[in-house]
Amino acid sequence: MLTFALAVFLLIITPGPGVLSLAGVGAASGWRPGLRYLAGLWLGTNIVCFAIISGLAAVVLADPIIRTGLLVLSALYLGFLAFKIAFAGAKIAFVTLSAPGFVAGITLQLINPKAYAVNTALFSSFAFYPSSFAVETGLKLVIVNLIWLPLHLLWLYAGAKVNRMDLAARTQRIINLAMAACLLGVVGLSVWSML
């Protein structure tokens, strides 16, 4: 169980679309809008967990057309989020963007390749209660959520802290652009891994 918990920690703390976009929303829009987005990410993550556990994700993702379609949707959506983060701190009059909210968080996790990869690794390995699949799966869900939530709150806090600092507009813009670039980097890696 401790090995599983360590794996959860390491896989979740590693930057991916969820944590990068969450920190970006925190940096661009602050704590409160970030909490709405975080709630959506959390629900989306748990939906992905149940899809993995039930085998639904394996059935759906086995079709190369569906898998490629989801990758394209993921890349487009993450590109859109990167755009919103990149221009949130910019003082461009004709660009008025609201922070991604609850539904955006759910949507991101449903098309987030890292969410499927991480949860597949966690729920298909690290057997620590072989006598009952239900008990082991339940314990894994509790452990994942007990680690997932504080780590994501830390990422949001880091982003919101940057938002609250009295940084020059140029510095804020650079931070937002860097967060957006990291998010686009994750998109590039996802697309490259499919090729």
C-alpha atoms as a PDB file:
ATOM      1  CA  MET A   1       0.000   0.000   0.000  1.00  0.00           C
ATOM      2  CA  LEU A   2       2.879   2.385   0.758  1.00  0.00           C
ATOM      3  CA  THR A   3       4.430   1.666  -2.634  1.00  0.00           C
ATOM      4  CA  PHE A   4       1.086   2.458  -4.237  1.00  0.00           C
ATOM      5  CA  ALA A   5       0.823   5.719  -2.277  1.00  0.00           C
ATOM      6  CA  LEU A   6       4.350   6.723  -3.335  1.00  0.00           C
ATOM      7  CA  ALA A   7       3.522   5.949  -6.972  1.00  0.00           C
ATOM      8  CA  VAL A   8       0.357   8.075  -6.704  1.00  0.00           C
ATOM      9  CA  PHE A   9       2.366  10.959  -5.252  1.00  0.00           C
ATOM     10  CA  LEU A  10       5.046  10.811  -7.937  1.00  0.00           C
ATOM     11  CA  LEU A  11       2.611  10.406 -10.839  1.00  0.00           C
ATOM     12  CA  ILE A  12       0.317  13.203  -9.682  1.00  0.00           C
ATOM     13  CA  ILE A  13       2.970  15.759  -8.742  1.00  0.00           C
ATOM     14  CA  THR A  14       4.581  15.397 -12.170  1.00  0.00           C
ATOM     15  CA  PRO A  15       3.375  18.304 -14.308  1.00  0.00           C
ATOM     16  CA  GLY A  16       0.743  17.392 -16.837  1.00  0.00           C
ATOM     17  CA  PRO A  17      -2.173  19.233 -18.419  1.00  0.00           C
ATOM     18  CA  GLY A  18      -4.248  19.225 -15.223  1.00  0.00           C
ATOM     19  CA  VAL A  19      -1.719  20.691 -12.799  1.00  0.00           C
ATOM     20  CA  LEU A  20      -0.182  23.055 -15.349  1.00  0.00           C
ATOM     21  CA  SER A  21      -3.543  24.455 -16.382  1.00  0.00           C
ATOM     22  CA  LEU A  22      -4.607  24.669 -12.716  1.00  0.00           C
ATOM     23  CA  ALA A  23      -1.499  26.634 -11.757  1.00  0.00           C
ATOM     24  CA  GLY A  24      -2.025  28.755 -14.865  1.00  0.00           C
ATOM     25  CA  VAL A  25      -5.647  29.495 -13.930  1.00  0.00           C
ATOM     26  CA  GLY A  26      -4.483  30.365 -10.409  1.00  0.00           C
ATOM     27  CA  ALA A  27      -1.764  32.667 -11.753  1.00  0.00           C
ATOM     28  CA  ALA A  28      -4.030  34.281 -14.329  1.00  0.00           C
ATOM     29  CA  SER A  29      -7.296  34.504 -12.379  1.00  0.00           C
ATOM     30  CA  GLY A  30      -6.668  33.850  -8.685  1.00  0.00           C
ATOM     31  CA  TRP A  31      -7.738  31.407  -5.987  1.00  0.00           C
ATOM     32  CA  ARG A  32     -11.545  31.463  -6.227  1.00  0.00           C
ATOM     33  CA  PRO A  33     -11.850  30.834  -9.991  1.00  0.00           C
ATOM     34  CA  GLY A  34      -9.110  28.236  -9.567  1.00  0.00           C
ATOM     35  CA  LEU A  35     -11.163  26.376  -6.947  1.00  0.00           C
ATOM     36  CA  ARG A  36     -14.079  26.030  -9.380  1.00  0.00           C
ATOM     37  CA  TYR A  37     -11.707  24.690 -12.008  1.00  0.00           C
ATOM     38  CA  LEU A  38     -10.102  22.368  -9.416  1.00  0.00           C
ATOM     39  CA  ALA A  39     -13.526  20.939  -8.487  1.00  0.00           C
ATOM     40  CA  GLY A  40     -14.117  20.106 -12.150  1.00  0.00           C
ATOM     41  CA  LEU A  41     -10.671  18.514 -12.459  1.00  0.00           C
ATOM     42  CA  TRP A  42     -11.383  16.406  -9.377  1.00  0.00           C
ATOM     43  CA  LEU A  43     -14.735  15.148 -10.670  1.00  0.00           C
ATOM     44  CA  GLY A  44     -13.253  14.526 -14.117  1.00  0.00           C
ATOM     45  CA  THR A  45     -10.374  12.569 -12.585  1.00  0.00           C
ATOM     46  CA  ASN A  46     -12.778  10.358 -10.659  1.00  0.00           C
ATOM     47  CA  ILE A  47     -14.882   9.771 -13.777  1.00  0.00           C
ATOM     48  CA  VAL A  48     -11.690   8.665 -15.552  1.00  0.00           C
ATOM     49  CA  CYS A  49     -10.870   6.387 -12.584  1.00  0.00           C
ATOM     50  CA  PHE A  50     -14.259   4.698 -12.859  1.00  0.00           C
ATOM     51  CA  ALA A  51     -13.869   4.366 -16.648  1.00  0.00           C
ATOM     52  CA  ILE A  52     -10.506   2.658 -16.097  1.00  0.00           C
ATOM     53  CA  ILE A  53     -11.783   0.413 -13.303  1.00  0.00           C
ATOM     54  CA  SER A  54     -14.866  -0.656 -15.258  1.00  0.00           C
ATOM     55  CA  GLY A  55     -12.885  -1.386 -18.418  1.00  0.00           C
ATOM     56  CA  LEU A  56     -14.884   1.147 -20.431  1.00  0.00           C
ATOM     57  CA  ALA A  57     -11.772   3.182 -21.202  1.00  0.00           C
ATOM     58  CA  ALA A  58      -9.962   0.097 -22.536  1.00  0.00           C
ATOM     59  CA  VAL A  59     -12.861  -0.737 -24.854  1.00  0.00           C
ATOM     60  CA  VAL A  60     -13.199   2.835 -26.135  1.00  0.00           C
ATOM     61  CA  LEU A  61      -9.484   3.560 -26.453  1.00  0.00           C
ATOM     62  CA  ALA A  62      -8.808   0.271 -28.257  1.00  0.00           C
ATOM     63  CA  ASP A  63     -10.301   1.813 -31.403  1.00  0.00           C
ATOM     64  CA  PRO A  64      -7.504   3.807 -33.127  1.00  0.00           C
ATOM     65  CA  ILE A  65      -9.998   6.245 -34.685  1.00  0.00           C
ATOM     66  CA  ILE A  66     -11.533   7.092 -31.310  1.00  0.00           C
ATOM     67  CA  ARG A  67      -8.090   7.270 -29.661  1.00  0.00           C
ATOM     68  CA  THR A  68      -6.808   9.630 -32.377  1.00  0.00           C
ATOM     69  CA  GLY A  69      -9.993  11.694 -32.199  1.00  0.00           C
ATOM     70  CA  LEU A  70      -9.618  12.100 -28.452  1.00  0.00           C
ATOM     71  CA  LEU A  71      -5.979  13.088 -28.917  1.00  0.00           C
ATOM     72  CA  VAL A  72      -6.980  15.766 -31.433  1.00  0.00           C
ATOM     73  CA  LEU A  73      -9.743  17.036 -29.134  1.00  0.00           C
ATOM     74  CA  SER A  74      -7.297  17.037 -26.236  1.00  0.00           C
ATOM     75  CA  ALA A  75      -4.673  18.961 -28.223  1.00  0.00           C
ATOM     76  CA  LEU A  76      -7.230  21.524 -29.399  1.00  0.00           C
ATOM     77  CA  TYR A  77      -8.709  22.005 -25.944  1.00  0.00           C
ATOM     78  CA  LEU A  78      -5.329  22.271 -24.243  1.00  0.00           C
ATOM     79  CA  GLY A  79      -4.268  24.741 -26.938  1.00  0.00           C
ATOM     80  CA  PHE A  80      -7.386  26.777 -26.170  1.00  0.00           C
ATOM     81  CA  LEU A  81      -6.596  26.706 -22.435  1.00  0.00           C
ATOM     82  CA  ALA A  82      -3.004  27.713 -23.172  1.00  0.00           C
ATOM     83  CA  PHE A  83      -4.335  30.656 -25.197  1.00  0.00           C
ATOM     84  CA  LYS A  84      -6.611  31.713 -22.323  1.00  0.00           C
ATOM     85  CA  ILE A  85      -3.753  31.495 -19.811  1.00  0.00           C
ATOM     86  CA  ALA A  86      -1.262  33.241 -22.102  1.00  0.00           C
ATOM     87  CA  PHE A  87      -3.524  36.213 -22.685  1.00  0.00           C
ATOM     88  CA  ALA A  88      -5.177  36.438 -19.259  1.00  0.00           C
ATOM     89  CA  GLY A  89      -2.468  38.760 -17.942  1.00  0.00           C
ATOM     90  CA  ALA A  90      -2.143  40.740 -21.139  1.00  0.00           C
ATOM     91  CA  LYS A  91      -3.656  44.188 -21.219  1.00  0.00           C
ATOM     92  CA  ILE A  92      -5.144  43.817 -24.667  1.00  0.00           C
ATOM     93  CA  ALA A  93      -8.487  45.600 -24.801  1.00  0.00           C
ATOM     94  CA  PHE A  94     -10.171  43.344 -27.344  1.00  0.00           C
ATOM     95  CA  VAL A  95      -9.311  40.113 -25.528  1.00  0.00           C
ATOM     96  CA  THR A  96     -11.662  39.525 -22.607  1.00  0.00           C
ATOM     97  CA  LEU A  97     -11.500  35.989 -21.321  1.00  0.00           C
ATOM     98  CA  SER A  98     -13.099  34.454 -18.282  1.00  0.00           C
ATOM     99  CA  ALA A  99     -11.265  31.831 -16.261  1.00  0.00           C
ATOM    100  CA  PRO A 100     -12.035  28.196 -17.053  1.00  0.00           C
ATOM    101  CA  GLY A 101     -14.570  26.863 -14.571  1.00  0.00           C
ATOM    102  CA  PHE A 102     -16.065  23.618 -13.281  1.00  0.00           C
ATOM    103  CA  VAL A 103     -17.195  22.216 -16.646  1.00  0.00           C
ATOM    104  CA  ALA A 104     -13.830  23.078 -18.221  1.00  0.00           C
ATOM    105  CA  GLY A 105     -12.086  21.077 -15.481  1.00  0.00           C
ATOM    106  CA  ILE A 106     -14.249  18.024 -16.108  1.00  0.00           C
ATOM    107  CA  THR A 107     -13.786  18.349 -19.865  1.00  0.00           C
ATOM    108  CA  LEU A 108     -10.017  18.592 -19.562  1.00  0.00           C
ATOM    109  CA  GLN A 109      -9.740  15.410 -17.513  1.00  0.00           C
ATOM    110  CA  LEU A 110     -12.022  13.462 -19.842  1.00  0.00           C
ATOM    111  CA  ILE A 111      -9.713  14.187 -22.782  1.00  0.00           C
ATOM    112  CA  ASN A 112      -6.440  14.357 -20.829  1.00  0.00           C
ATOM    113  CA  PRO A 113      -4.097  11.571 -21.993  1.00  0.00           C
ATOM    114  CA  LYS A 114      -2.094  11.746 -18.744  1.00  0.00           C
ATOM    115  CA  ALA A 115      -5.237  11.104 -16.666  1.00  0.00           C
ATOM    116  CA  TYR A 116      -5.847   7.840 -18.522  1.00  0.00           C
ATOM    117  CA  ALA A 117      -2.200   6.769 -18.468  1.00  0.00           C
ATOM    118  CA  VAL A 118      -1.733   7.492 -14.758  1.00  0.00           C
ATOM    119  CA  ASN A 119      -4.975   5.865 -13.659  1.00  0.00           C
ATOM    120  CA  THR A 120      -4.412   2.826 -15.851  1.00  0.00           C
ATOM    121  CA  ALA A 121      -0.972   2.363 -14.277  1.00  0.00           C
ATOM    122  CA  LEU A 122      -2.330   2.821 -10.764  1.00  0.00           C
ATOM    123  CA  PHE A 123      -5.432   0.666 -10.978  1.00  0.00           C
ATOM    124  CA  SER A 124      -3.987  -2.158 -13.091  1.00  0.00           C
ATOM    125  CA  SER A 125      -0.922  -2.725 -10.935  1.00  0.00           C
ATOM    126  CA  PHE A 126       0.248  -2.384  -7.334  1.00  0.00           C
ATOM    127  CA  ALA A 127      -1.889  -5.234  -6.042  1.00  0.00           C
ATOM    128  CA  PHE A 128      -1.850  -5.051  -2.244  1.00  0.00           C
ATOM    129  CA  TYR A 129      -5.154  -6.735  -1.314  1.00  0.00           C
ATOM    130  CA  PRO A 130      -5.435  -9.751  -3.629  1.00  0.00           C
ATOM    131  CA  SER A 131      -8.263 -11.417  -1.692  1.00  0.00           C
ATOM    132  CA  SER A 132     -10.814  -8.728  -2.676  1.00  0.00           C
ATOM    133  CA  PHE A 133     -10.799  -6.672  -5.845  1.00  0.00           C
ATOM    134  CA  ALA A 134     -13.569  -4.428  -4.454  1.00  0.00           C
ATOM    135  CA  VAL A 135     -11.719  -3.658  -1.206  1.00  0.00           C
ATOM    136  CA  GLU A 136      -8.436  -3.016  -3.023  1.00  0.00           C
ATOM    137  CA  THR A 137     -10.123  -0.772  -5.598  1.00  0.00           C
ATOM    138  CA  GLY A 138     -11.975   1.135  -2.879  1.00  0.00           C
ATOM    139  CA  LEU A 139      -8.777   1.657  -0.907  1.00  0.00           C
ATOM    140  CA  LYS A 140      -6.959   2.768  -4.046  1.00  0.00           C
ATOM    141  CA  LEU A 141      -9.688   5.335  -4.778  1.00  0.00           C
ATOM    142  CA  VAL A 142      -9.440   6.713  -1.238  1.00  0.00           C
ATOM    143  CA  ILE A 143      -5.626   6.878  -1.369  1.00  0.00           C
ATOM    144  CA  VAL A 144      -5.622   8.501  -4.816  1.00  0.00           C
ATOM    145  CA  ASN A 145      -8.070  11.182  -3.687  1.00  0.00           C
ATOM    146  CA  LEU A 146      -6.289  11.806  -0.376  1.00  0.00           C
ATOM    147  CA  ILE A 147      -3.078  12.508  -2.281  1.00  0.00           C
ATOM    148  CA  TRP A 148      -4.595  14.088  -5.411  1.00  0.00           C
ATOM    149  CA  LEU A 149      -6.503  16.864  -3.658  1.00  0.00           C
ATOM    150  CA  PRO A 150      -3.708  18.335  -1.476  1.00  0.00           C
ATOM    151  CA  LEU A 151      -1.194  18.217  -4.350  1.00  0.00           C
ATOM    152  CA  HIS A 152      -3.569  20.004  -6.683  1.00  0.00           C
ATOM    153  CA  LEU A 153      -4.390  22.552  -3.978  1.00  0.00           C
ATOM    154  CA  LEU A 154      -0.645  23.220  -3.701  1.00  0.00           C
ATOM    155  CA  TRP A 155      -0.364  23.780  -7.469  1.00  0.00           C
ATOM    156  CA  LEU A 156      -3.365  26.130  -7.344  1.00  0.00           C
ATOM    157  CA  TYR A 157      -1.895  27.922  -4.319  1.00  0.00           C
ATOM    158  CA  ALA A 158       1.395  28.425  -6.158  1.00  0.00           C
ATOM    159  CA  GLY A 159      -0.426  29.898  -9.135  1.00  0.00           C
ATOM    160  CA  ALA A 160      -2.705  32.069  -6.977  1.00  0.00           C
ATOM    161  CA  LYS A 161       0.296  33.276  -4.954  1.00  0.00           C
ATOM    162  CA  VAL A 162       1.852  34.541  -8.158  1.00  0.00           C
ATOM    163  CA  ASN A 163      -1.471  36.209  -8.975  1.00  0.00           C
ATOM    164  CA  ARG A 164      -1.543  37.996  -5.599  1.00  0.00           C
ATOM    165  CA  MET A 165       2.017  39.234  -5.790  1.00  0.00           C
ATOM    166  CA  ASP A 166       2.352  42.807  -6.835  1.00  0.00           C
ATOM    167  CA  LEU A 167       4.248  41.872  -9.970  1.00  0.00           C
ATOM    168  CA  ALA A 168       4.757  44.205 -12.848  1.00  0.00           C
ATOM    169  CA  ALA A 169       2.368  43.624 -15.743  1.00  0.00           C
ATOM    170  CA  ARG A 170       5.296  42.469 -17.885  1.00  0.00           C
ATOM    171  CA  THR A 171       6.369  39.867 -15.289  1.00  0.00           C
ATOM    172  CA  GLN A 172       2.784  38.598 -14.952  1.00  0.00           C
ATOM    173  CA  ARG A 173       2.561  38.299 -18.715  1.00  0.00           C
ATOM    174  CA  ILE A 174       5.864  36.373 -18.857  1.00  0.00           C
ATOM    175  CA  ILE A 175       4.631  33.940 -16.175  1.00  0.00           C
ATOM    176  CA  ASN A 176       1.356  33.375 -18.020  1.00  0.00           C
ATOM    177  CA  LEU A 177       3.199  32.858 -21.302  1.00  0.00           C
ATOM    178  CA  ALA A 178       5.580  30.392 -19.631  1.00  0.00           C
ATOM    179  CA  MET A 179       2.661  28.424 -18.167  1.00  0.00           C
ATOM    180  CA  ALA A 180       0.953  28.394 -21.563  1.00  0.00           C
ATOM    181  CA  ALA A 181       4.190  27.258 -23.235  1.00  0.00           C
ATOM    182  CA  CYS A 182       4.524  24.387 -20.741  1.00  0.00           C
ATOM    183  CA  LEU A 183       0.946  23.346 -21.466  1.00  0.00           C
ATOM    184  CA  LEU A 184       1.638  23.432 -25.197  1.00  0.00           C
ATOM    185  CA  GLY A 185       4.780  21.389 -24.544  1.00  0.00           C
ATOM    186  CA  VAL A 186       2.640  18.690 -22.926  1.00  0.00           C
ATOM    187  CA  VAL A 187       0.369  18.779 -25.994  1.00  0.00           C
ATOM    188  CA  GLY A 188       3.399  18.348 -28.234  1.00  0.00           C
ATOM    189  CA  LEU A 189       4.656  15.388 -26.209  1.00  0.00           C
ATOM    190  CA  SER A 190       1.214  13.754 -26.322  1.00  0.00           C
ATOM    191  CA  VAL A 191       0.991  14.129 -30.085  1.00  0.00           C
ATOM    192  CA  TRP A 192       4.585  12.932 -30.534  1.00  0.00           C
ATOM    193  CA  SER A 193       3.898   9.830 -28.407  1.00  0.00           C
ATOM    194  CA  MET A 194       0.990   8.901 -30.682  1.00  0.00           C
ATOM    195  CA  LEU A 195       3.161   9.182 -33.797  1.00  0.00           C
END
